[in-house]
Amino acid sequence: MSQRSTHALQLSQDQCDEDRYEAEAQNRRRQAADLEHIATYYALESRLDIRVALGGRVRNNGREGAIVDTIGQRLMVLFNGDEAPCVRHVTSGMTYETATGWIAATPAPDPWASADRGRAKPGSR
């Protein structure tokens, strides 16, 4: 292989590495934004002392696994013994491992469910 070909191959490899690093960085930013939304919307940490994080241990319908990714406000959970992760809702049947033990997640209170039962929600007619 000529020196020019070797140099071109190295430049191509460097570009691939940069592209891969940028894709990984974008993925981490997406996951961080999803987790921030989950934390804000469901308020599990402030209400129940549950911190939803990648790598966190969970149970759902009697199966135990780990959070491996996010999809918007849903979680990708890899259950023990499975090869592919499953999509799970943050509170639906989920129990999270915490420093004090396993805690069942509950839905966030609906701000429209109490005081204004008779009034229409903003934007609805």
C-alpha atoms as a PDB file:
ATOM      1  CA  MET A   1       0.000   0.000   0.000  1.00  0.00           C
ATOM      2  CA  SER A   2       1.360   3.400  -0.927  1.00  0.00           C
ATOM      3  CA  GLN A   3       2.016   6.114   1.625  1.00  0.00           C
ATOM      4  CA  ARG A   4      -0.790   8.196   0.084  1.00  0.00           C
ATOM      5  CA  SER A   5      -3.272   5.289   0.440  1.00  0.00           C
ATOM      6  CA  THR A   6      -2.207   4.719   4.038  1.00  0.00           C
ATOM      7  CA  HIS A   7      -2.677   8.414   4.820  1.00  0.00           C
ATOM      8  CA  ALA A   8      -6.137   8.456   3.165  1.00  0.00           C
ATOM      9  CA  LEU A   9      -7.136   5.337   5.103  1.00  0.00           C
ATOM     10  CA  GLN A  10      -6.032   6.945   8.379  1.00  0.00           C
ATOM     11  CA  LEU A  11      -8.011  10.118   7.606  1.00  0.00           C
ATOM     12  CA  SER A  12     -11.060   8.001   6.806  1.00  0.00           C
ATOM     13  CA  GLN A  13     -10.674   6.098  10.107  1.00  0.00           C
ATOM     14  CA  ASP A  14     -10.265   9.367  12.021  1.00  0.00           C
ATOM     15  CA  GLN A  15     -13.501  10.688  10.464  1.00  0.00           C
ATOM     16  CA  CYS A  16     -15.334   7.491  11.410  1.00  0.00           C
ATOM     17  CA  ASP A  17     -14.073   7.825  14.993  1.00  0.00           C
ATOM     18  CA  GLU A  18     -15.229  11.467  15.138  1.00  0.00           C
ATOM     19  CA  ASP A  19     -18.641  10.507  13.737  1.00  0.00           C
ATOM     20  CA  ARG A  20     -18.979   7.714  16.289  1.00  0.00           C
ATOM     21  CA  TYR A  21     -17.986  10.006  19.177  1.00  0.00           C
ATOM     22  CA  GLU A  22     -20.479  12.646  18.014  1.00  0.00           C
ATOM     23  CA  ALA A  23     -23.256  10.048  17.732  1.00  0.00           C
ATOM     24  CA  GLU A  24     -22.473   8.802  21.249  1.00  0.00           C
ATOM     25  CA  ALA A  25     -22.486  12.382  22.575  1.00  0.00           C
ATOM     26  CA  GLN A  26     -25.851  13.058  20.895  1.00  0.00           C
ATOM     27  CA  ASN A  27     -27.246   9.872  22.424  1.00  0.00           C
ATOM     28  CA  ARG A  28     -26.055  10.883  25.904  1.00  0.00           C
ATOM     29  CA  ARG A  29     -27.642  14.341  25.469  1.00  0.00           C
ATOM     30  CA  ARG A  30     -30.941  12.753  24.374  1.00  0.00           C
ATOM     31  CA  GLN A  31     -30.901  10.384  27.337  1.00  0.00           C
ATOM     32  CA  ALA A  32     -30.098  13.218  29.756  1.00  0.00           C
ATOM     33  CA  ALA A  33     -32.976  15.311  28.367  1.00  0.00           C
ATOM     34  CA  ASP A  34     -35.366  12.343  28.596  1.00  0.00           C
ATOM     35  CA  LEU A  35     -34.309  11.610  32.181  1.00  0.00           C
ATOM     36  CA  GLU A  36     -34.672  15.295  33.109  1.00  0.00           C
ATOM     37  CA  HIS A  37     -38.204  15.300  31.682  1.00  0.00           C
ATOM     38  CA  ILE A  38     -39.056  12.097  33.570  1.00  0.00           C
ATOM     39  CA  ALA A  39     -37.675  13.563  36.815  1.00  0.00           C
ATOM     40  CA  THR A  40     -39.633  16.791  36.383  1.00  0.00           C
ATOM     41  CA  TYR A  41     -42.907  15.310  35.147  1.00  0.00           C
ATOM     42  CA  TYR A  42     -43.239  12.340  37.511  1.00  0.00           C
ATOM     43  CA  ALA A  43     -41.377  13.897  40.475  1.00  0.00           C
ATOM     44  CA  LEU A  44     -40.477  10.414  41.738  1.00  0.00           C
ATOM     45  CA  GLU A  45     -37.383  11.611  43.573  1.00  0.00           C
ATOM     46  CA  SER A  46     -39.160  14.347  45.514  1.00  0.00           C
ATOM     47  CA  ARG A  47     -42.317  12.297  46.143  1.00  0.00           C
ATOM     48  CA  LEU A  48     -40.939   8.793  46.746  1.00  0.00           C
ATOM     49  CA  ASP A  49     -37.142   9.094  46.933  1.00  0.00           C
ATOM     50  CA  ILE A  50     -36.803   7.205  43.622  1.00  0.00           C
ATOM     51  CA  ARG A  51     -34.035   8.356  41.283  1.00  0.00           C
ATOM     52  CA  VAL A  52     -34.609   7.130  37.727  1.00  0.00           C
ATOM     53  CA  ALA A  53     -31.218   6.636  36.061  1.00  0.00           C
ATOM     54  CA  LEU A  54     -29.492   4.523  33.452  1.00  0.00           C
ATOM     55  CA  GLY A  55     -28.291   1.360  35.137  1.00  0.00           C
ATOM     56  CA  GLY A  56     -30.965   1.623  37.818  1.00  0.00           C
ATOM     57  CA  ARG A  57     -32.495  -1.675  38.928  1.00  0.00           C
ATOM     58  CA  VAL A  58     -36.225  -2.148  38.436  1.00  0.00           C
ATOM     59  CA  ARG A  59     -38.935  -4.755  38.747  1.00  0.00           C
ATOM     60  CA  ASN A  60     -41.973  -4.986  36.507  1.00  0.00           C
ATOM     61  CA  ASN A  61     -44.616  -7.712  36.618  1.00  0.00           C
ATOM     62  CA  GLY A  62     -42.374  -9.918  38.743  1.00  0.00           C
ATOM     63  CA  ARG A  63     -39.326  -9.555  36.492  1.00  0.00           C
ATOM     64  CA  GLU A  64     -36.124  -7.778  37.495  1.00  0.00           C
ATOM     65  CA  GLY A  65     -33.820  -5.847  35.191  1.00  0.00           C
ATOM     66  CA  ALA A  66     -31.898  -2.646  34.568  1.00  0.00           C
ATOM     67  CA  ILE A  67     -32.710   0.600  32.782  1.00  0.00           C
ATOM     68  CA  VAL A  68     -30.507   0.686  29.670  1.00  0.00           C
ATOM     69  CA  ASP A  69     -31.987   3.553  27.632  1.00  0.00           C
ATOM     70  CA  THR A  70     -34.838   6.017  27.298  1.00  0.00           C
ATOM     71  CA  ILE A  71     -37.386   6.714  24.600  1.00  0.00           C
ATOM     72  CA  GLY A  72     -38.974  10.058  25.380  1.00  0.00           C
ATOM     73  CA  GLN A  73     -40.773   9.580  28.661  1.00  0.00           C
ATOM     74  CA  ARG A  74     -40.528   5.795  28.520  1.00  0.00           C
ATOM     75  CA  LEU A  75     -37.735   3.515  29.671  1.00  0.00           C
ATOM     76  CA  MET A  76     -35.901   0.719  27.915  1.00  0.00           C
ATOM     77  CA  VAL A  77     -35.427  -2.081  30.448  1.00  0.00           C
ATOM     78  CA  LEU A  78     -33.237  -5.112  29.898  1.00  0.00           C
ATOM     79  CA  PHE A  79     -34.739  -7.837  32.054  1.00  0.00           C
ATOM     80  CA  ASN A  80     -32.490 -10.519  33.500  1.00  0.00           C
ATOM     81  CA  GLY A  81     -32.100 -13.360  31.003  1.00  0.00           C
ATOM     82  CA  ASP A  82     -33.429 -11.372  28.021  1.00  0.00           C
ATOM     83  CA  GLU A  83     -31.322 -10.440  25.009  1.00  0.00           C
ATOM     84  CA  ALA A  84     -33.230  -7.300  24.000  1.00  0.00           C
ATOM     85  CA  PRO A  85     -34.655  -4.487  26.126  1.00  0.00           C
ATOM     86  CA  CYS A  86     -38.388  -3.810  26.465  1.00  0.00           C
ATOM     87  CA  VAL A  87     -40.184  -0.462  26.540  1.00  0.00           C
ATOM     88  CA  ARG A  88     -41.803   0.281  29.897  1.00  0.00           C
ATOM     89  CA  HIS A  89     -43.783   3.208  31.296  1.00  0.00           C
ATOM     90  CA  VAL A  90     -42.073   4.945  34.210  1.00  0.00           C
ATOM     91  CA  THR A  91     -44.818   4.294  36.763  1.00  0.00           C
ATOM     92  CA  SER A  92     -46.992   1.483  35.342  1.00  0.00           C
ATOM     93  CA  GLY A  93     -46.245  -1.551  37.504  1.00  0.00           C
ATOM     94  CA  MET A  94     -42.691  -0.362  38.125  1.00  0.00           C
ATOM     95  CA  THR A  95     -40.776  -0.876  41.366  1.00  0.00           C
ATOM     96  CA  TYR A  96     -37.363   0.763  41.744  1.00  0.00           C
ATOM     97  CA  GLU A  97     -34.413  -0.322  43.856  1.00  0.00           C
ATOM     98  CA  THR A  98     -33.328   2.452  46.214  1.00  0.00           C
ATOM     99  CA  ALA A  99     -30.848   2.726  49.067  1.00  0.00           C
ATOM    100  CA  THR A 100     -33.676   1.868  51.484  1.00  0.00           C
ATOM    101  CA  GLY A 101     -35.110  -1.027  49.476  1.00  0.00           C
ATOM    102  CA  TRP A 102     -37.613  -1.517  46.663  1.00  0.00           C
ATOM    103  CA  ILE A 103     -40.223   1.216  46.224  1.00  0.00           C
ATOM    104  CA  ALA A 104     -43.265   1.056  43.951  1.00  0.00           C
ATOM    105  CA  ALA A 105     -43.674   4.043  41.650  1.00  0.00           C
ATOM    106  CA  THR A 106     -47.016   5.795  41.660  1.00  0.00           C
ATOM    107  CA  PRO A 107     -48.369   8.152  39.013  1.00  0.00           C
ATOM    108  CA  ALA A 108     -47.948  11.857  39.580  1.00  0.00           C
ATOM    109  CA  PRO A 109     -51.077  13.514  40.939  1.00  0.00           C
ATOM    110  CA  ASP A 110     -53.330  14.940  38.222  1.00  0.00           C
ATOM    111  CA  PRO A 111     -53.549  18.693  38.865  1.00  0.00           C
ATOM    112  CA  TRP A 112     -56.920  18.756  37.075  1.00  0.00           C
ATOM    113  CA  ALA A 113     -58.503  15.991  39.136  1.00  0.00           C
ATOM    114  CA  SER A 114     -59.346  17.956  42.268  1.00  0.00           C
ATOM    115  CA  ALA A 115     -60.356  21.606  42.599  1.00  0.00           C
ATOM    116  CA  ASP A 116     -61.666  22.366  39.126  1.00  0.00           C
ATOM    117  CA  ARG A 117     -63.754  19.267  38.372  1.00  0.00           C
ATOM    118  CA  GLY A 118     -66.572  21.263  36.813  1.00  0.00           C
ATOM    119  CA  ARG A 119     -64.443  23.643  34.780  1.00  0.00           C
ATOM    120  CA  ALA A 120     -62.935  22.850  31.390  1.00  0.00           C
ATOM    121  CA  LYS A 121     -59.203  22.442  31.082  1.00  0.00           C
ATOM    122  CA  PRO A 122     -57.408  25.304  29.321  1.00  0.00           C
ATOM    123  CA  GLY A 123     -57.486  24.834  25.573  1.00  0.00           C
ATOM    124  CA  SER A 124     -60.467  22.460  25.618  1.00  0.00           C
ATOM    125  CA  ARG A 125     -64.004  23.332  24.591  1.00  0.00           C
END
